[in-house]
Amino acid sequence: MAKQTIMLNCSAGMSTSLLVTKMQQAAEEQGIDAKIFAVPAAEADNHIEQDDLDCVLLGPQVRYMENDFKNKVKGRGKDGKDIPLSVIDMRAYGMMDGKKVLQQAEDLING
């Protein structure tokens, strides 16, 4: 399976960095080759344009930006499709459950 690129967005990029670490650990345990990183929502545009993203996850604290992001990812994915986008499950986020959030990303990527 090809390497997957998963971008997490939150207000400052700090709270999601711990979640990124936990997601990377879960990916390694499951043998998933993934590049997982977090950026502040303000920096997302550059990554949407430059990186080959497989999915975008929004932290619950920026869920109000979901419609903005839906417009940003339109036609930016593979084969001109939209990049799959979702708000991270609030419970999984609160518990920093990397395995559960990784599963959410995998479900998005695999449609």
N, C-alpha and C. Protein backbone atom coordinates (compact mmCIF):
# COMPACT_ATOMS: atom_id res chain seq x y z
N MET A 1 0.85 -1.19 0.00
CA MET A 1 0.00 0.00 0.00
C MET A 1 0.89 1.25 0.00
N ALA A 2 0.48 2.26 -0.73
CA ALA A 2 1.26 3.49 -0.82
C ALA A 2 1.22 4.25 0.50
N LYS A 3 2.20 5.09 0.67
CA LYS A 3 2.25 5.93 1.87
C LYS A 3 1.05 6.87 1.88
N GLN A 4 0.44 6.99 3.04
CA GLN A 4 -0.72 7.88 3.18
C GLN A 4 -0.29 9.17 3.86
N THR A 5 -0.86 10.27 3.42
CA THR A 5 -0.54 11.56 4.03
C THR A 5 -1.81 12.10 4.67
N ILE A 6 -1.74 12.27 5.99
CA ILE A 6 -2.90 12.69 6.77
C ILE A 6 -2.55 14.01 7.47
N MET A 7 -3.35 15.04 7.22
CA MET A 7 -3.11 16.34 7.85
C MET A 7 -4.19 16.62 8.88
N LEU A 8 -3.75 16.98 10.09
CA LEU A 8 -4.67 17.39 11.15
C LEU A 8 -4.57 18.91 11.29
N ASN A 9 -5.70 19.53 11.57
CA ASN A 9 -5.73 20.98 11.74
C ASN A 9 -6.41 21.33 13.04
N CYS A 10 -5.83 22.29 13.74
CA CYS A 10 -6.50 22.82 14.93
C CYS A 10 -6.20 24.30 15.00
N SER A 11 -6.55 24.95 16.09
CA SER A 11 -6.36 26.40 16.12
C SER A 11 -4.89 26.78 16.14
N ALA A 12 -4.07 26.09 16.94
CA ALA A 12 -2.65 26.48 17.01
C ALA A 12 -1.69 25.37 16.59
N GLY A 13 -2.16 24.14 16.47
CA GLY A 13 -1.29 23.03 16.07
C GLY A 13 -0.65 22.33 17.26
N MET A 14 -0.86 22.86 18.47
CA MET A 14 -0.21 22.27 19.64
C MET A 14 -0.96 21.04 20.16
N SER A 15 -2.25 21.18 20.39
CA SER A 15 -3.00 20.07 21.00
C SER A 15 -3.02 18.84 20.10
N THR A 16 -2.98 19.06 18.80
CA THR A 16 -3.01 17.90 17.90
C THR A 16 -1.66 17.23 17.75
N SER A 17 -0.57 17.89 18.17
CA SER A 17 0.75 17.26 17.98
C SER A 17 0.89 16.00 18.82
N LEU A 18 0.31 15.97 20.01
CA LEU A 18 0.32 14.76 20.83
C LEU A 18 -0.50 13.65 20.14
N LEU A 19 -1.62 14.05 19.57
CA LEU A 19 -2.46 13.09 18.87
C LEU A 19 -1.72 12.51 17.66
N VAL A 20 -0.96 13.35 16.95
CA VAL A 20 -0.17 12.89 15.81
C VAL A 20 0.79 11.78 16.25
N THR A 21 1.48 12.00 17.38
CA THR A 21 2.42 11.00 17.91
C THR A 21 1.70 9.68 18.17
N LYS A 22 0.53 9.77 18.79
CA LYS A 22 -0.22 8.56 19.11
C LYS A 22 -0.74 7.87 17.85
N MET A 23 -1.12 8.66 16.85
CA MET A 23 -1.57 8.08 15.58
C MET A 23 -0.42 7.39 14.86
N GLN A 24 0.79 8.00 14.92
CA GLN A 24 1.95 7.38 14.27
C GLN A 24 2.29 6.05 14.93
N GLN A 25 2.18 6.00 16.26
CA GLN A 25 2.43 4.75 16.98
C GLN A 25 1.42 3.69 16.53
N ALA A 26 0.15 4.07 16.44
CA ALA A 26 -0.89 3.13 16.02
C ALA A 26 -0.63 2.66 14.59
N ALA A 27 -0.21 3.57 13.71
CA ALA A 27 0.07 3.22 12.32
C ALA A 27 1.21 2.21 12.25
N GLU A 28 2.27 2.44 13.03
CA GLU A 28 3.41 1.51 13.04
C GLU A 28 2.97 0.13 13.52
N GLU A 29 2.16 0.11 14.59
CA GLU A 29 1.68 -1.18 15.11
C GLU A 29 0.87 -1.95 14.07
N GLN A 30 0.14 -1.20 13.22
CA GLN A 30 -0.73 -1.84 12.23
C GLN A 30 -0.04 -1.99 10.87
N GLY A 31 1.23 -1.59 10.80
CA GLY A 31 1.95 -1.72 9.54
C GLY A 31 1.47 -0.78 8.46
N ILE A 32 0.93 0.37 8.86
CA ILE A 32 0.45 1.36 7.89
C ILE A 32 1.55 2.40 7.69
N ASP A 33 1.93 2.61 6.43
CA ASP A 33 2.95 3.60 6.10
C ASP A 33 2.25 4.95 5.95
N ALA A 34 2.39 5.82 6.96
CA ALA A 34 1.65 7.08 6.92
C ALA A 34 2.52 8.25 7.36
N LYS A 35 2.33 9.35 6.67
CA LYS A 35 2.92 10.62 7.09
C LYS A 35 1.77 11.39 7.73
N ILE A 36 1.88 11.62 9.04
CA ILE A 36 0.80 12.28 9.77
C ILE A 36 1.39 13.54 10.39
N PHE A 37 0.76 14.67 10.15
CA PHE A 37 1.28 15.91 10.70
C PHE A 37 0.14 16.86 11.05
N ALA A 38 0.44 17.81 11.93
CA ALA A 38 -0.56 18.78 12.37
C ALA A 38 -0.08 20.18 12.04
N VAL A 39 -1.01 21.02 11.61
CA VAL A 39 -0.69 22.43 11.35
C VAL A 39 -1.84 23.29 11.87
N PRO A 40 -1.53 24.54 12.22
CA PRO A 40 -2.61 25.46 12.56
C PRO A 40 -3.50 25.66 11.33
N ALA A 41 -4.77 25.86 11.55
CA ALA A 41 -5.72 26.02 10.44
C ALA A 41 -5.26 27.13 9.48
N ALA A 42 -4.62 28.16 10.02
CA ALA A 42 -4.17 29.29 9.20
C ALA A 42 -3.12 28.87 8.17
N GLU A 43 -2.40 27.77 8.42
CA GLU A 43 -1.36 27.32 7.49
C GLU A 43 -1.82 26.20 6.57
N ALA A 44 -3.07 25.80 6.69
CA ALA A 44 -3.56 24.64 5.94
C ALA A 44 -3.52 24.83 4.43
N ASP A 45 -3.80 26.05 3.96
CA ASP A 45 -3.87 26.30 2.52
C ASP A 45 -2.61 25.86 1.78
N ASN A 46 -1.44 26.22 2.32
CA ASN A 46 -0.17 25.85 1.68
C ASN A 46 -0.06 24.34 1.53
N HIS A 47 -0.43 23.62 2.59
CA HIS A 47 -0.31 22.16 2.56
C HIS A 47 -1.33 21.54 1.60
N ILE A 48 -2.52 22.11 1.54
CA ILE A 48 -3.54 21.59 0.63
C ILE A 48 -3.05 21.75 -0.81
N GLU A 49 -2.38 22.86 -1.09
CA GLU A 49 -1.88 23.10 -2.45
C GLU A 49 -0.63 22.29 -2.77
N GLN A 50 0.29 22.15 -1.81
CA GLN A 50 1.60 21.57 -2.11
C GLN A 50 1.74 20.09 -1.79
N ASP A 51 1.07 19.62 -0.74
CA ASP A 51 1.24 18.22 -0.34
C ASP A 51 0.19 17.35 -1.03
N ASP A 52 0.56 16.10 -1.23
CA ASP A 52 -0.37 15.16 -1.84
C ASP A 52 -1.16 14.50 -0.70
N LEU A 53 -2.19 15.18 -0.23
CA LEU A 53 -2.92 14.73 0.96
C LEU A 53 -3.94 13.64 0.63
N ASP A 54 -4.00 12.64 1.52
CA ASP A 54 -5.01 11.59 1.38
C ASP A 54 -6.26 11.90 2.19
N CYS A 55 -6.09 12.67 3.28
CA CYS A 55 -7.26 13.12 4.02
C CYS A 55 -6.89 14.26 4.96
N VAL A 56 -7.91 15.03 5.33
CA VAL A 56 -7.75 16.16 6.22
C VAL A 56 -8.71 15.98 7.39
N LEU A 57 -8.16 16.09 8.61
CA LEU A 57 -8.99 15.98 9.81
C LEU A 57 -8.93 17.30 10.56
N LEU A 58 -10.09 17.76 11.02
CA LEU A 58 -10.17 19.00 11.77
C LEU A 58 -10.37 18.70 13.25
N GLY A 59 -9.64 19.40 14.11
CA GLY A 59 -9.86 19.27 15.54
C GLY A 59 -11.25 19.78 15.89
N PRO A 60 -11.86 19.21 16.92
CA PRO A 60 -13.22 19.64 17.30
C PRO A 60 -13.33 21.14 17.55
N GLN A 61 -12.22 21.77 18.02
CA GLN A 61 -12.28 23.20 18.33
C GLN A 61 -12.34 24.08 17.08
N VAL A 62 -12.10 23.51 15.90
CA VAL A 62 -12.23 24.29 14.66
C VAL A 62 -13.31 23.71 13.75
N ARG A 63 -14.23 22.97 14.32
CA ARG A 63 -15.31 22.37 13.51
C ARG A 63 -16.12 23.43 12.79
N TYR A 64 -16.16 24.65 13.34
CA TYR A 64 -16.89 25.75 12.68
C TYR A 64 -16.29 26.11 11.33
N MET A 65 -15.06 25.65 11.06
CA MET A 65 -14.39 25.95 9.78
C MET A 65 -14.62 24.86 8.73
N GLU A 66 -15.45 23.89 9.06
CA GLU A 66 -15.62 22.74 8.17
C GLU A 66 -16.05 23.14 6.76
N ASN A 67 -17.00 24.06 6.63
CA ASN A 67 -17.45 24.46 5.29
C ASN A 67 -16.35 25.17 4.50
N ASP A 68 -15.56 26.02 5.21
CA ASP A 68 -14.39 26.65 4.57
C ASP A 68 -13.47 25.60 4.00
N PHE A 69 -13.17 24.60 4.83
CA PHE A 69 -12.25 23.54 4.42
C PHE A 69 -12.83 22.72 3.27
N LYS A 70 -14.13 22.49 3.28
CA LYS A 70 -14.75 21.72 2.18
C LYS A 70 -14.48 22.42 0.86
N ASN A 71 -14.53 23.75 0.86
CA ASN A 71 -14.23 24.50 -0.36
C ASN A 71 -12.76 24.39 -0.73
N LYS A 72 -11.89 24.42 0.29
CA LYS A 72 -10.44 24.37 0.03
C LYS A 72 -10.00 23.04 -0.56
N VAL A 73 -10.64 21.94 -0.15
CA VAL A 73 -10.19 20.61 -0.61
C VAL A 73 -10.88 20.15 -1.89
N LYS A 74 -11.82 20.96 -2.38
CA LYS A 74 -12.55 20.62 -3.60
C LYS A 74 -11.61 20.46 -4.78
N GLY A 75 -11.64 19.28 -5.38
CA GLY A 75 -10.84 19.04 -6.58
C GLY A 75 -9.33 18.97 -6.35
N ARG A 76 -8.89 18.96 -5.09
CA ARG A 76 -7.46 18.98 -4.79
C ARG A 76 -6.87 17.59 -4.54
N GLY A 77 -7.73 16.58 -4.52
CA GLY A 77 -7.27 15.23 -4.23
C GLY A 77 -6.78 14.50 -5.45
N LYS A 78 -6.61 13.21 -5.30
CA LYS A 78 -6.14 12.37 -6.39
C LYS A 78 -7.19 12.35 -7.51
N ASP A 79 -6.72 12.35 -8.75
CA ASP A 79 -7.61 12.33 -9.92
C ASP A 79 -8.60 13.48 -9.92
N GLY A 80 -8.23 14.61 -9.31
CA GLY A 80 -9.10 15.78 -9.33
C GLY A 80 -10.32 15.66 -8.42
N LYS A 81 -10.32 14.64 -7.56
CA LYS A 81 -11.43 14.48 -6.63
C LYS A 81 -11.19 15.37 -5.41
N ASP A 82 -12.22 15.51 -4.57
CA ASP A 82 -12.07 16.25 -3.32
C ASP A 82 -11.22 15.43 -2.35
N ILE A 83 -10.40 16.11 -1.56
CA ILE A 83 -9.66 15.42 -0.50
C ILE A 83 -10.68 15.10 0.60
N PRO A 84 -10.75 13.83 1.04
CA PRO A 84 -11.70 13.49 2.10
C PRO A 84 -11.42 14.32 3.36
N LEU A 85 -12.51 14.80 3.98
CA LEU A 85 -12.41 15.71 5.12
C LEU A 85 -13.41 15.32 6.19
N SER A 86 -12.99 15.43 7.45
CA SER A 86 -13.90 15.15 8.55
C SER A 86 -13.44 15.87 9.81
N VAL A 87 -14.38 16.05 10.73
CA VAL A 87 -14.03 16.58 12.05
C VAL A 87 -13.70 15.38 12.94
N ILE A 88 -12.59 15.47 13.67
CA ILE A 88 -12.18 14.37 14.55
C ILE A 88 -13.25 14.12 15.60
N ASP A 89 -13.56 12.86 15.80
CA ASP A 89 -14.51 12.46 16.84
C ASP A 89 -14.09 13.09 18.17
N MET A 90 -15.02 13.84 18.79
CA MET A 90 -14.68 14.61 19.98
C MET A 90 -14.21 13.74 21.14
N ARG A 91 -14.84 12.60 21.31
CA ARG A 91 -14.47 11.70 22.40
C ARG A 91 -13.05 11.14 22.18
N ALA A 92 -12.79 10.70 20.94
CA ALA A 92 -11.46 10.16 20.62
C ALA A 92 -10.41 11.25 20.79
N TYR A 93 -10.76 12.48 20.39
CA TYR A 93 -9.83 13.60 20.52
C TYR A 93 -9.54 13.88 21.99
N GLY A 94 -10.58 13.95 22.79
CA GLY A 94 -10.43 14.24 24.21
C GLY A 94 -9.59 13.20 24.93
N MET A 95 -9.70 11.94 24.48
CA MET A 95 -8.94 10.86 25.10
C MET A 95 -7.59 10.65 24.42
N MET A 96 -7.30 11.48 23.38
CA MET A 96 -6.07 11.34 22.61
C MET A 96 -5.90 9.89 22.14
N ASP A 97 -6.99 9.34 21.62
CA ASP A 97 -7.02 7.95 21.16
C ASP A 97 -6.52 7.88 19.72
N GLY A 98 -5.19 7.75 19.57
CA GLY A 98 -4.57 7.73 18.25
C GLY A 98 -5.08 6.63 17.35
N LYS A 99 -5.34 5.46 17.95
CA LYS A 99 -5.82 4.32 17.17
C LYS A 99 -7.18 4.61 16.56
N LYS A 100 -8.08 5.21 17.36
CA LYS A 100 -9.43 5.50 16.89
C LYS A 100 -9.43 6.60 15.82
N VAL A 101 -8.60 7.63 16.02
CA VAL A 101 -8.55 8.71 15.04
C VAL A 101 -7.89 8.22 13.75
N LEU A 102 -6.89 7.35 13.87
CA LEU A 102 -6.27 6.75 12.68
C LEU A 102 -7.32 5.94 11.92
N GLN A 103 -8.14 5.20 12.64
CA GLN A 103 -9.20 4.41 12.01
C GLN A 103 -10.18 5.33 11.27
N GLN A 104 -10.50 6.48 11.89
CA GLN A 104 -11.38 7.46 11.25
C GLN A 104 -10.76 7.93 9.93
N ALA A 105 -9.45 8.19 9.95
CA ALA A 105 -8.75 8.63 8.74
C ALA A 105 -8.76 7.53 7.68
N GLU A 106 -8.49 6.29 8.11
CA GLU A 106 -8.48 5.15 7.18
C GLU A 106 -9.85 4.97 6.52
N ASP A 107 -10.91 5.10 7.31
CA ASP A 107 -12.27 4.97 6.77
C ASP A 107 -12.53 6.04 5.72
N LEU A 108 -12.05 7.26 5.97
CA LEU A 108 -12.22 8.35 5.00
C LEU A 108 -11.46 8.05 3.71
N ILE A 109 -10.20 7.63 3.87
CA ILE A 109 -9.33 7.38 2.71
C ILE A 109 -9.89 6.24 1.86
N ASN A 110 -10.39 5.21 2.53
CA ASN A 110 -10.89 4.05 1.80
C ASN A 110 -12.35 4.19 1.37
N GLY A 111 -12.94 5.33 1.68
CA GLY A 111 -14.30 5.64 1.25
C GLY A 111 -15.32 4.70 1.82
